[in-house]
Amino acid sequence: MTIILIILAFVLDLLIGDPYHWPHPVKVIGNYINLFQKDFVKPTDSSKKKYVLGGFLWLSTVIFAYLATWILIVVAFNINAYLGMAVFVYLAYTTLATKSLAKEGKKIIKTLENGTIEEARYQVSMIVGRDTSELTREEIAKATVETIAENTSDGVIAPMIFLFIGGPPLAMAYKAVNTLDSMVGYLTPKYKEIGYVSAKMDDLWNLIPARISFLLIALSSVLLNMNPKNTFMIGFRDRKNHKSPNGGYLEAPAAGALGIQLGGSHVYHGVEIYKPTIGEALKEVDSGDILKMNQLLYCSAILGLVLFSMILFLIQR
């Protein structure tokens, strides 16, 4: 039954994505993180206190996400089995982001091909943390490919893995970990202390999912006939060419499959962060590469669903 419910959640994500006006648990998590920073963290706090507060912020957010999800499911099942399954599917669906991620990529493709450079810069600023005010069209395409590649794990494969291990409560706890990192996990003066624990824990929670995603992207390049030899070669060669211990495991096989170069230094919150390059610049990066990255995303997601379903089925037998 768990497998069927997760498959239903995956299909629901593919069909409707994340409508902006719908209630979403990640919005609640984000509101809590903002409220915590506003009420408990002060500029005058000592460095040590900020590290401690950052640890408490991480722990309280993750526990809150897990327990709230677990309670909702238990209450729903106690009322009615069908209501319980419906709540299970809905909460599981909210942890996946396949369609919404691909949709953002399609928006940027459309803007790059038909809009102004200013519109494209604004569009990509919605999905990346770096400064986009001076990006060229190629840099916008690169940033989009990098984001989709990394979120193939963060937004799809990783939450899917946690869904199969511990259902929506564990997957929602993972979304809390990921949201914390995206909001406070920066090496900037404002966040380097309060976000230290969040950044490190995000690296830890994504350690295995990123490497599984590497294999899924590589296998997808075979199925989609996207230069699989180059995918494996660049993937293994450049997988550690990233500031994050996990990011390179997503960007490297993607760069190999597309025959492009990713990475390089970028500005985050006014601070330039050095990043090594990944892949080889066999061609200029353009909107067509975003489309191909979307194809790798969908193929990796489906492969992951099939693989994890088979593993859980065998375990349950």
C-alpha atoms as a PDB file:
ATOM      1  CA  MET A   1       0.000   0.000   0.000  1.00  0.00           C
ATOM      2  CA  THR A   2       2.864   2.393   0.800  1.00  0.00           C
ATOM      3  CA  ILE A   3       4.303   1.890  -2.680  1.00  0.00           C
ATOM      4  CA  ILE A   4       0.939   2.588  -4.313  1.00  0.00           C
ATOM      5  CA  LEU A   5       0.416   5.755  -2.252  1.00  0.00           C
ATOM      6  CA  ILE A   6       3.880   7.086  -3.112  1.00  0.00           C
ATOM      7  CA  ILE A   7       3.308   6.349  -6.811  1.00  0.00           C
ATOM      8  CA  LEU A   8       0.005   8.252  -6.603  1.00  0.00           C
ATOM      9  CA  ALA A   9       1.838  11.179  -4.979  1.00  0.00           C
ATOM     10  CA  PHE A  10       4.443  11.132  -7.755  1.00  0.00           C
ATOM     11  CA  VAL A  11       1.755  11.105 -10.463  1.00  0.00           C
ATOM     12  CA  LEU A  12      -0.062  13.958  -8.707  1.00  0.00           C
ATOM     13  CA  ASP A  13       3.157  15.981  -8.726  1.00  0.00           C
ATOM     14  CA  LEU A  14       3.613  15.341 -12.451  1.00  0.00           C
ATOM     15  CA  LEU A  15       0.031  16.402 -13.161  1.00  0.00           C
ATOM     16  CA  ILE A  16      -0.330  19.589 -11.126  1.00  0.00           C
ATOM     17  CA  GLY A  17       3.078  20.559  -9.758  1.00  0.00           C
ATOM     18  CA  ASP A  18       2.918  23.212  -7.014  1.00  0.00           C
ATOM     19  CA  PRO A  19       0.198  25.789  -7.770  1.00  0.00           C
ATOM     20  CA  TYR A  20       1.271  29.084  -6.176  1.00  0.00           C
ATOM     21  CA  HIS A  21      -2.077  29.714  -4.481  1.00  0.00           C
ATOM     22  CA  TRP A  22      -2.270  26.271  -2.846  1.00  0.00           C
ATOM     23  CA  PRO A  23      -1.262  25.826   0.820  1.00  0.00           C
ATOM     24  CA  HIS A  24       2.148  24.207   1.019  1.00  0.00           C
ATOM     25  CA  PRO A  25       4.021  22.840   4.083  1.00  0.00           C
ATOM     26  CA  VAL A  26       7.321  24.356   2.907  1.00  0.00           C
ATOM     27  CA  LYS A  27       5.746  27.829   3.198  1.00  0.00           C
ATOM     28  CA  VAL A  28       4.920  27.058   6.833  1.00  0.00           C
ATOM     29  CA  ILE A  29       8.486  25.848   7.412  1.00  0.00           C
ATOM     30  CA  GLY A  30       9.870  29.010   5.785  1.00  0.00           C
ATOM     31  CA  ASN A  31       7.620  31.230   7.900  1.00  0.00           C
ATOM     32  CA  TYR A  32       8.848  29.517  11.067  1.00  0.00           C
ATOM     33  CA  ILE A  33      12.498  30.027  10.064  1.00  0.00           C
ATOM     34  CA  ASN A  34      11.884  33.733   9.378  1.00  0.00           C
ATOM     35  CA  LEU A  35       9.961  34.155  12.638  1.00  0.00           C
ATOM     36  CA  PHE A  36      12.724  32.474  14.626  1.00  0.00           C
ATOM     37  CA  GLN A  37      15.383  34.771  13.152  1.00  0.00           C
ATOM     38  CA  LYS A  38      13.245  37.855  13.769  1.00  0.00           C
ATOM     39  CA  ASP A  39      12.361  37.022  17.374  1.00  0.00           C
ATOM     40  CA  PHE A  40      15.462  35.250  18.715  1.00  0.00           C
ATOM     41  CA  VAL A  41      18.526  36.328  16.701  1.00  0.00           C
ATOM     42  CA  LYS A  42      19.926  39.818  17.302  1.00  0.00           C
ATOM     43  CA  PRO A  43      22.878  41.543  15.553  1.00  0.00           C
ATOM     44  CA  THR A  44      24.445  42.136  18.969  1.00  0.00           C
ATOM     45  CA  ASP A  45      24.493  38.415  19.856  1.00  0.00           C
ATOM     46  CA  SER A  46      27.929  36.895  20.307  1.00  0.00           C
ATOM     47  CA  SER A  47      29.336  34.552  17.691  1.00  0.00           C
ATOM     48  CA  LYS A  48      29.026  31.592  20.084  1.00  0.00           C
ATOM     49  CA  LYS A  49      25.385  32.402  20.837  1.00  0.00           C
ATOM     50  CA  LYS A  50      24.571  32.572  17.113  1.00  0.00           C
ATOM     51  CA  TYR A  51      26.074  29.117  16.575  1.00  0.00           C
ATOM     52  CA  VAL A  52      23.955  27.740  19.446  1.00  0.00           C
ATOM     53  CA  LEU A  53      20.818  29.467  18.176  1.00  0.00           C
ATOM     54  CA  GLY A  54      21.527  28.118  14.701  1.00  0.00           C
ATOM     55  CA  GLY A  55      21.687  24.601  16.117  1.00  0.00           C
ATOM     56  CA  PHE A  56      18.411  25.070  17.969  1.00  0.00           C
ATOM     57  CA  LEU A  57      16.808  26.561  14.839  1.00  0.00           C
ATOM     58  CA  TRP A  58      17.787  23.466  12.847  1.00  0.00           C
ATOM     59  CA  LEU A  59      16.663  20.981  15.491  1.00  0.00           C
ATOM     60  CA  SER A  60      13.343  22.668  16.248  1.00  0.00           C
ATOM     61  CA  THR A  61      12.467  23.110  12.563  1.00  0.00           C
ATOM     62  CA  VAL A  62      13.172  19.488  11.648  1.00  0.00           C
ATOM     63  CA  ILE A  63      11.342  18.089  14.700  1.00  0.00           C
ATOM     64  CA  PHE A  64       8.385  20.392  14.068  1.00  0.00           C
ATOM     65  CA  ALA A  65       8.157  19.301  10.410  1.00  0.00           C
ATOM     66  CA  TYR A  66       8.341  15.593  11.297  1.00  0.00           C
ATOM     67  CA  LEU A  67       5.890  15.647  14.215  1.00  0.00           C
ATOM     68  CA  ALA A  68       3.309  17.893  12.525  1.00  0.00           C
ATOM     69  CA  THR A  69       3.246  15.623   9.469  1.00  0.00           C
ATOM     70  CA  TRP A  70       3.058  12.463  11.578  1.00  0.00           C
ATOM     71  CA  ILE A  71       0.215  13.835  13.705  1.00  0.00           C
ATOM     72  CA  LEU A  72      -1.816  14.884  10.653  1.00  0.00           C
ATOM     73  CA  ILE A  73      -1.537  11.407   9.130  1.00  0.00           C
ATOM     74  CA  VAL A  74      -2.330   9.571  12.375  1.00  0.00           C
ATOM     75  CA  VAL A  75      -5.379  11.765  13.070  1.00  0.00           C
ATOM     76  CA  ALA A  76      -6.622  11.347   9.493  1.00  0.00           C
ATOM     77  CA  PHE A  77      -6.294   7.539   9.619  1.00  0.00           C
ATOM     78  CA  ASN A  78      -8.085   7.451  12.994  1.00  0.00           C
ATOM     79  CA  ILE A  79     -11.015   9.316  11.433  1.00  0.00           C
ATOM     80  CA  ASN A  80     -11.202   7.251   8.263  1.00  0.00           C
ATOM     81  CA  ALA A  81      -8.820   5.001   6.310  1.00  0.00           C
ATOM     82  CA  TYR A  82      -9.586   6.729   3.008  1.00  0.00           C
ATOM     83  CA  LEU A  83      -9.038  10.154   4.565  1.00  0.00           C
ATOM     84  CA  GLY A  84      -5.762   8.875   5.978  1.00  0.00           C
ATOM     85  CA  MET A  85      -4.604   7.688   2.566  1.00  0.00           C
ATOM     86  CA  ALA A  86      -5.657  10.991   1.001  1.00  0.00           C
ATOM     87  CA  VAL A  87      -3.663  12.979   3.576  1.00  0.00           C
ATOM     88  CA  PHE A  88      -0.687  10.619   3.129  1.00  0.00           C
ATOM     89  CA  VAL A  89      -0.734  11.142  -0.651  1.00  0.00           C
ATOM     90  CA  TYR A  90      -1.165  14.911  -0.405  1.00  0.00           C
ATOM     91  CA  LEU A  91       1.667  15.392   2.092  1.00  0.00           C
ATOM     92  CA  ALA A  92       3.919  13.041   0.117  1.00  0.00           C
ATOM     93  CA  TYR A  93       3.097  14.957  -3.066  1.00  0.00           C
ATOM     94  CA  THR A  94       4.129  18.276  -1.475  1.00  0.00           C
ATOM     95  CA  THR A  95       7.638  16.940  -0.828  1.00  0.00           C
ATOM     96  CA  LEU A  96       8.238  16.321  -4.559  1.00  0.00           C
ATOM     97  CA  ALA A  97       9.015  19.057  -7.071  1.00  0.00           C
ATOM     98  CA  THR A  98       9.500  17.419 -10.468  1.00  0.00           C
ATOM     99  CA  LYS A  99       6.961  19.408 -12.471  1.00  0.00           C
ATOM    100  CA  SER A 100       7.490  22.725 -10.694  1.00  0.00           C
ATOM    101  CA  LEU A 101      11.248  22.483 -11.253  1.00  0.00           C
ATOM    102  CA  ALA A 102      10.808  21.679 -14.937  1.00  0.00           C
ATOM    103  CA  LYS A 103       8.189  24.435 -15.216  1.00  0.00           C
ATOM    104  CA  GLU A 104      10.641  27.047 -13.927  1.00  0.00           C
ATOM    105  CA  GLY A 105      13.129  25.843 -16.516  1.00  0.00           C
ATOM    106  CA  LYS A 106      10.528  26.193 -19.281  1.00  0.00           C
ATOM    107  CA  LYS A 107       9.716  29.741 -18.170  1.00  0.00           C
ATOM    108  CA  ILE A 108      13.357  30.736 -18.483  1.00  0.00           C
ATOM    109  CA  ILE A 109      13.611  29.043 -21.889  1.00  0.00           C
ATOM    110  CA  LYS A 110      10.655  31.114 -23.094  1.00  0.00           C
ATOM    111  CA  THR A 111      12.106  34.340 -21.666  1.00  0.00           C
ATOM    112  CA  LEU A 112      15.560  33.701 -23.127  1.00  0.00           C
ATOM    113  CA  GLU A 113      14.072  33.074 -26.563  1.00  0.00           C
ATOM    114  CA  ASN A 114      11.384  35.751 -26.626  1.00  0.00           C
ATOM    115  CA  GLY A 115      12.004  38.213 -23.781  1.00  0.00           C
ATOM    116  CA  THR A 116      14.575  40.796 -22.748  1.00  0.00           C
ATOM    117  CA  ILE A 117      17.788  40.078 -20.848  1.00  0.00           C
ATOM    118  CA  GLU A 118      16.367  41.968 -17.836  1.00  0.00           C
ATOM    119  CA  GLU A 119      13.305  39.711 -17.796  1.00  0.00           C
ATOM    120  CA  ALA A 120      15.506  36.626 -18.008  1.00  0.00           C
ATOM    121  CA  ARG A 121      17.695  37.873 -15.147  1.00  0.00           C
ATOM    122  CA  TYR A 122      14.641  38.443 -12.986  1.00  0.00           C
ATOM    123  CA  GLN A 123      13.205  35.044 -13.905  1.00  0.00           C
ATOM    124  CA  VAL A 124      16.357  33.157 -12.955  1.00  0.00           C
ATOM    125  CA  SER A 125      16.675  35.172  -9.719  1.00  0.00           C
ATOM    126  CA  MET A 126      13.539  33.349  -8.558  1.00  0.00           C
ATOM    127  CA  ILE A 127      15.336  29.989  -8.477  1.00  0.00           C
ATOM    128  CA  VAL A 128      18.973  30.805  -7.603  1.00  0.00           C
ATOM    129  CA  GLY A 129      20.634  32.444  -4.611  1.00  0.00           C
ATOM    130  CA  ARG A 130      23.332  34.286  -6.553  1.00  0.00           C
ATOM    131  CA  ASP A 131      23.301  37.875  -7.840  1.00  0.00           C
ATOM    132  CA  THR A 132      21.761  37.809 -11.328  1.00  0.00           C
ATOM    133  CA  SER A 133      21.852  41.533 -12.149  1.00  0.00           C
ATOM    134  CA  GLU A 134      24.751  41.274 -14.596  1.00  0.00           C
ATOM    135  CA  LEU A 135      24.395  37.738 -15.969  1.00  0.00           C
ATOM    136  CA  THR A 136      24.660  37.202 -19.708  1.00  0.00           C
ATOM    137  CA  ARG A 137      22.194  34.995 -21.587  1.00  0.00           C
ATOM    138  CA  GLU A 138      24.669  32.112 -21.494  1.00  0.00           C
ATOM    139  CA  GLU A 139      25.244  32.584 -17.754  1.00  0.00           C
ATOM    140  CA  ILE A 140      21.477  32.579 -17.189  1.00  0.00           C
ATOM    141  CA  ALA A 141      21.191  29.302 -19.095  1.00  0.00           C
ATOM    142  CA  LYS A 142      24.112  27.876 -17.087  1.00  0.00           C
ATOM    143  CA  ALA A 143      22.563  28.942 -13.779  1.00  0.00           C
ATOM    144  CA  THR A 144      19.279  27.299 -14.757  1.00  0.00           C
ATOM    145  CA  VAL A 145      20.929  24.030 -15.782  1.00  0.00           C
ATOM    146  CA  GLU A 146      22.925  23.978 -12.529  1.00  0.00           C
ATOM    147  CA  THR A 147      19.802  24.580 -10.448  1.00  0.00           C
ATOM    148  CA  ILE A 148      17.775  21.874 -12.188  1.00  0.00           C
ATOM    149  CA  ALA A 149      20.707  19.445 -11.931  1.00  0.00           C
ATOM    150  CA  GLU A 150      21.194  20.019  -8.182  1.00  0.00           C
ATOM    151  CA  ASN A 151      17.468  19.952  -7.505  1.00  0.00           C
ATOM    152  CA  THR A 152      17.117  16.654  -9.343  1.00  0.00           C
ATOM    153  CA  SER A 153      18.415  15.340  -6.043  1.00  0.00           C
ATOM    154  CA  ASP A 154      17.220  18.005  -3.582  1.00  0.00           C
ATOM    155  CA  GLY A 155      13.740  18.381  -5.043  1.00  0.00           C
ATOM    156  CA  VAL A 156      12.984  14.893  -6.321  1.00  0.00           C
ATOM    157  CA  ILE A 157      15.309  11.953  -5.668  1.00  0.00           C
ATOM    158  CA  ALA A 158      16.240  12.770  -2.045  1.00  0.00           C
ATOM    159  CA  PRO A 159      12.663  13.354  -0.798  1.00  0.00           C
ATOM    160  CA  MET A 160      11.598  10.265  -2.759  1.00  0.00           C
ATOM    161  CA  ILE A 161      14.228   8.188  -0.957  1.00  0.00           C
ATOM    162  CA  PHE A 162      13.043   9.461   2.433  1.00  0.00           C
ATOM    163  CA  LEU A 163       9.421   8.804   1.435  1.00  0.00           C
ATOM    164  CA  PHE A 164      10.237   5.149   0.791  1.00  0.00           C
ATOM    165  CA  ILE A 165      12.215   4.895   4.047  1.00  0.00           C
ATOM    166  CA  GLY A 166       9.931   6.716   6.479  1.00  0.00           C
ATOM    167  CA  GLY A 167       6.887   8.020   4.643  1.00  0.00           C
ATOM    168  CA  PRO A 168       5.779  11.685   4.539  1.00  0.00           C
ATOM    169  CA  PRO A 169       7.042  12.519   8.084  1.00  0.00           C
ATOM    170  CA  LEU A 170      10.663  11.704   7.212  1.00  0.00           C
ATOM    171  CA  ALA A 171      10.362  13.268   3.751  1.00  0.00           C
ATOM    172  CA  MET A 172       8.965  16.458   5.321  1.00  0.00           C
ATOM    173  CA  ALA A 173      11.822  16.472   7.827  1.00  0.00           C
ATOM    174  CA  TYR A 174      14.149  16.344   4.827  1.00  0.00           C
ATOM    175  CA  LYS A 175      12.297  19.273   3.223  1.00  0.00           C
ATOM    176  CA  ALA A 176      12.884  21.195   6.453  1.00  0.00           C
ATOM    177  CA  VAL A 177      16.607  20.391   6.247  1.00  0.00           C
ATOM    178  CA  ASN A 178      16.701  21.535   2.632  1.00  0.00           C
ATOM    179  CA  THR A 179      14.665  24.699   3.295  1.00  0.00           C
ATOM    180  CA  LEU A 180      16.932  25.657   6.195  1.00  0.00           C
ATOM    181  CA  ASP A 181      19.977  25.363   3.948  1.00  0.00           C
ATOM    182  CA  SER A 182      18.397  27.423   1.163  1.00  0.00           C
ATOM    183  CA  MET A 183      17.403  30.188   3.608  1.00  0.00           C
ATOM    184  CA  VAL A 184      20.316  30.437   6.054  1.00  0.00           C
ATOM    185  CA  GLY A 185      23.050  28.062   4.874  1.00  0.00           C
ATOM    186  CA  TYR A 186      25.370  30.685   3.343  1.00  0.00           C
ATOM    187  CA  LEU A 187      29.021  31.539   3.995  1.00  0.00           C
ATOM    188  CA  THR A 188      28.225  35.240   4.298  1.00  0.00           C
ATOM    189  CA  PRO A 189      28.700  37.496   7.352  1.00  0.00           C
ATOM    190  CA  LYS A 190      24.954  37.446   8.050  1.00  0.00           C
ATOM    191  CA  TYR A 191      24.487  33.676   7.913  1.00  0.00           C
ATOM    192  CA  LYS A 192      27.849  31.964   8.463  1.00  0.00           C
ATOM    193  CA  GLU A 193      27.128  31.456  12.189  1.00  0.00           C
ATOM    194  CA  ILE A 194      23.354  31.117  12.412  1.00  0.00           C
ATOM    195  CA  GLY A 195      23.340  28.913   9.312  1.00  0.00           C
ATOM    196  CA  TYR A 196      26.425  26.808  10.068  1.00  0.00           C
ATOM    197  CA  VAL A 197      24.546  23.781  11.452  1.00  0.00           C
ATOM    198  CA  SER A 198      21.903  24.002   8.708  1.00  0.00           C
ATOM    199  CA  ALA A 199      24.546  23.986   5.955  1.00  0.00           C
ATOM    200  CA  LYS A 200      26.479  21.063   7.450  1.00  0.00           C
ATOM    201  CA  MET A 201      23.386  18.975   8.122  1.00  0.00           C
ATOM    202  CA  ASP A 202      22.107  19.555   4.600  1.00  0.00           C
ATOM    203  CA  ASP A 203      25.421  18.217   3.295  1.00  0.00           C
ATOM    204  CA  LEU A 204      25.063  15.155   5.539  1.00  0.00           C
ATOM    205  CA  TRP A 205      21.431  14.383   4.664  1.00  0.00           C
ATOM    206  CA  ASN A 206      22.182  14.701   0.953  1.00  0.00           C
ATOM    207  CA  LEU A 207      25.369  12.627   0.960  1.00  0.00           C
ATOM    208  CA  ILE A 208      23.772   9.340  -0.202  1.00  0.00           C
ATOM    209  CA  PRO A 209      20.892  10.807  -2.269  1.00  0.00           C
ATOM    210  CA  ALA A 210      23.331  12.889  -4.342  1.00  0.00           C
ATOM    211  CA  ARG A 211      25.387   9.838  -5.237  1.00  0.00           C
ATOM    212  CA  ILE A 212      22.295   7.814  -6.115  1.00  0.00           C
ATOM    213  CA  SER A 213      21.165  10.751  -8.259  1.00  0.00           C
ATOM    214  CA  PHE A 214      24.554  10.699 -10.003  1.00  0.00           C
ATOM    215  CA  LEU A 215      23.852   7.132 -11.116  1.00  0.00           C
ATOM    216  CA  LEU A 216      20.275   7.939 -12.149  1.00  0.00           C
ATOM    217  CA  ILE A 217      21.380  10.926 -14.264  1.00  0.00           C
ATOM    218  CA  ALA A 218      24.089   8.788 -15.845  1.00  0.00           C
ATOM    219  CA  LEU A 219      21.607   5.999 -16.634  1.00  0.00           C
ATOM    220  CA  SER A 220      19.185   8.570 -18.014  1.00  0.00           C
ATOM    221  CA  SER A 221      21.874   9.836 -20.385  1.00  0.00           C
ATOM    222  CA  VAL A 222      22.108   6.279 -21.742  1.00  0.00           C
ATOM    223  CA  LEU A 223      18.335   5.965 -22.222  1.00  0.00           C
ATOM    224  CA  LEU A 224      18.104   9.442 -23.788  1.00  0.00           C
ATOM    225  CA  ASN A 225      21.229   8.898 -25.916  1.00  0.00           C
ATOM    226  CA  MET A 226      22.901  12.014 -24.484  1.00  0.00           C
ATOM    227  CA  ASN A 227      26.562  11.072 -24.867  1.00  0.00           C
ATOM    228  CA  PRO A 228      26.691   8.511 -22.007  1.00  0.00           C
ATOM    229  CA  LYS A 229      30.447   7.986 -22.417  1.00  0.00           C
ATOM    230  CA  ASN A 230      31.094  11.679 -21.773  1.00  0.00           C
ATOM    231  CA  THR A 231      28.549  11.660 -18.940  1.00  0.00           C
ATOM    232  CA  PHE A 232      30.434   8.980 -17.012  1.00  0.00           C
ATOM    233  CA  MET A 233      33.874  10.401 -17.854  1.00  0.00           C
ATOM    234  CA  ILE A 234      33.111  14.005 -16.823  1.00  0.00           C
ATOM    235  CA  GLY A 235      30.930  12.777 -13.974  1.00  0.00           C
ATOM    236  CA  PHE A 236      33.736  10.836 -12.321  1.00  0.00           C
ATOM    237  CA  ARG A 237      36.455  13.342 -13.241  1.00  0.00           C
ATOM    238  CA  ASP A 238      34.733  16.509 -12.005  1.00  0.00           C
ATOM    239  CA  ARG A 239      32.373  15.208  -9.313  1.00  0.00           C
ATOM    240  CA  LYS A 240      34.492  16.837  -6.593  1.00  0.00           C
ATOM    241  CA  ASN A 241      34.937  20.174  -8.389  1.00  0.00           C
ATOM    242  CA  HIS A 242      32.377  21.932  -6.226  1.00  0.00           C
ATOM    243  CA  LYS A 243      32.302  23.854  -2.950  1.00  0.00           C
ATOM    244  CA  SER A 244      29.573  21.473  -1.774  1.00  0.00           C
ATOM    245  CA  PRO A 245      30.477  17.820  -1.139  1.00  0.00           C
ATOM    246  CA  ASN A 246      27.326  16.877  -3.070  1.00  0.00           C
ATOM    247  CA  GLY A 247      26.741  19.498  -5.770  1.00  0.00           C
ATOM    248  CA  GLY A 248      29.412  18.172  -8.098  1.00  0.00           C
ATOM    249  CA  TYR A 249      27.780  14.753  -8.118  1.00  0.00           C
ATOM    250  CA  LEU A 250      24.782  16.352  -9.852  1.00  0.00           C
ATOM    251  CA  GLU A 251      26.383  19.019 -12.007  1.00  0.00           C
ATOM    252  CA  ALA A 252      29.254  16.872 -13.323  1.00  0.00           C
ATOM    253  CA  PRO A 253      27.197  14.122 -15.033  1.00  0.00           C
ATOM    254  CA  ALA A 254      24.771  16.779 -16.306  1.00  0.00           C
ATOM    255  CA  ALA A 255      27.635  18.791 -17.812  1.00  0.00           C
ATOM    256  CA  GLY A 256      29.022  15.635 -19.402  1.00  0.00           C
ATOM    257  CA  ALA A 257      25.672  14.640 -20.882  1.00  0.00           C
ATOM    258  CA  LEU A 258      25.101  18.098 -22.356  1.00  0.00           C
ATOM    259  CA  GLY A 259      28.689  18.733 -23.439  1.00  0.00           C
ATOM    260  CA  ILE A 260      28.921  22.038 -21.561  1.00  0.00           C
ATOM    261  CA  GLN A 261      30.909  23.690 -18.800  1.00  0.00           C
ATOM    262  CA  LEU A 262      29.281  24.684 -15.511  1.00  0.00           C
ATOM    263  CA  GLY A 263      30.502  26.224 -12.260  1.00  0.00           C
ATOM    264  CA  GLY A 264      32.838  29.179 -11.821  1.00  0.00           C
ATOM    265  CA  SER A 265      32.695  32.005  -9.263  1.00  0.00           C
ATOM    266  CA  HIS A 266      29.388  33.736  -8.451  1.00  0.00           C
ATOM    267  CA  VAL A 267      28.162  36.506  -6.161  1.00  0.00           C
ATOM    268  CA  TYR A 268      25.881  35.453  -3.277  1.00  0.00           C
ATOM    269  CA  HIS A 269      24.332  38.158  -1.082  1.00  0.00           C
ATOM    270  CA  GLY A 270      27.033  40.629  -2.117  1.00  0.00           C
ATOM    271  CA  VAL A 271      29.942  38.232  -1.520  1.00  0.00           C
ATOM    272  CA  GLU A 272      31.869  36.570  -4.350  1.00  0.00           C
ATOM    273  CA  ILE A 273      32.149  32.820  -3.781  1.00  0.00           C
ATOM    274  CA  TYR A 274      34.793  30.922  -5.737  1.00  0.00           C
ATOM    275  CA  LYS A 275      33.631  27.770  -7.498  1.00  0.00           C
ATOM    276  CA  PRO A 276      35.786  25.553  -9.743  1.00  0.00           C
ATOM    277  CA  THR A 277      34.557  24.766 -13.235  1.00  0.00           C
ATOM    278  CA  ILE A 278      32.864  21.482 -14.119  1.00  0.00           C
ATOM    279  CA  GLY A 279      32.840  19.867 -17.558  1.00  0.00           C
ATOM    280  CA  GLU A 280      34.256  21.035 -20.864  1.00  0.00           C
ATOM    281  CA  ALA A 281      32.991  23.941 -22.960  1.00  0.00           C
ATOM    282  CA  LEU A 282      32.308  21.953 -26.129  1.00  0.00           C
ATOM    283  CA  LYS A 283      29.557  24.432 -26.999  1.00  0.00           C
ATOM    284  CA  GLU A 284      27.921  27.617 -25.744  1.00  0.00           C
ATOM    285  CA  VAL A 285      25.199  26.959 -23.184  1.00  0.00           C
ATOM    286  CA  ASP A 286      21.748  27.987 -24.431  1.00  0.00           C
ATOM    287  CA  SER A 287      18.038  27.409 -23.838  1.00  0.00           C
ATOM    288  CA  GLY A 288      18.235  24.040 -25.606  1.00  0.00           C
ATOM    289  CA  ASP A 289      20.435  22.751 -22.800  1.00  0.00           C
ATOM    290  CA  ILE A 290      17.782  23.693 -20.228  1.00  0.00           C
ATOM    291  CA  LEU A 291      15.271  21.607 -22.185  1.00  0.00           C
ATOM    292  CA  LYS A 292      17.670  18.648 -22.248  1.00  0.00           C
ATOM    293  CA  MET A 293      18.294  19.029 -18.511  1.00  0.00           C
ATOM    294  CA  ASN A 294      14.530  18.846 -17.974  1.00  0.00           C
ATOM    295  CA  GLN A 295      14.517  15.580 -19.909  1.00  0.00           C
ATOM    296  CA  LEU A 296      17.283  14.217 -17.664  1.00  0.00           C
ATOM    297  CA  LEU A 297      15.254  15.347 -14.643  1.00  0.00           C
ATOM    298  CA  TYR A 298      12.086  13.515 -15.696  1.00  0.00           C
ATOM    299  CA  CYS A 299      13.933  10.367 -16.728  1.00  0.00           C
ATOM    300  CA  SER A 300      15.921  10.276 -13.462  1.00  0.00           C
ATOM    301  CA  ALA A 301      12.737  10.763 -11.430  1.00  0.00           C
ATOM    302  CA  ILE A 302      10.929   7.893 -13.165  1.00  0.00           C
ATOM    303  CA  LEU A 303      13.960   5.613 -12.886  1.00  0.00           C
ATOM    304  CA  GLY A 304      14.219   6.442  -9.192  1.00  0.00           C
ATOM    305  CA  LEU A 305      10.542   5.698  -8.592  1.00  0.00           C
ATOM    306  CA  VAL A 306      10.807   2.322 -10.327  1.00  0.00           C
ATOM    307  CA  LEU A 307      14.046   1.387  -8.550  1.00  0.00           C
ATOM    308  CA  PHE A 308      12.908   2.370  -5.055  1.00  0.00           C
ATOM    309  CA  SER A 309       9.510   0.699  -5.550  1.00  0.00           C
ATOM    310  CA  MET A 310      11.213  -2.540  -6.526  1.00  0.00           C
ATOM    311  CA  ILE A 311      13.555  -2.402  -3.525  1.00  0.00           C
ATOM    312  CA  LEU A 312      10.733  -1.728  -1.057  1.00  0.00           C
ATOM    313  CA  PHE A 313       8.592  -4.459  -2.644  1.00  0.00           C
ATOM    314  CA  LEU A 314      11.403  -6.998  -2.235  1.00  0.00           C
ATOM    315  CA  ILE A 315      12.005  -5.906   1.379  1.00  0.00           C
ATOM    316  CA  GLN A 316       8.313  -6.174   2.253  1.00  0.00           C
ATOM    317  CA  ARG A 317       8.105  -9.667   0.755  1.00  0.00           C
END
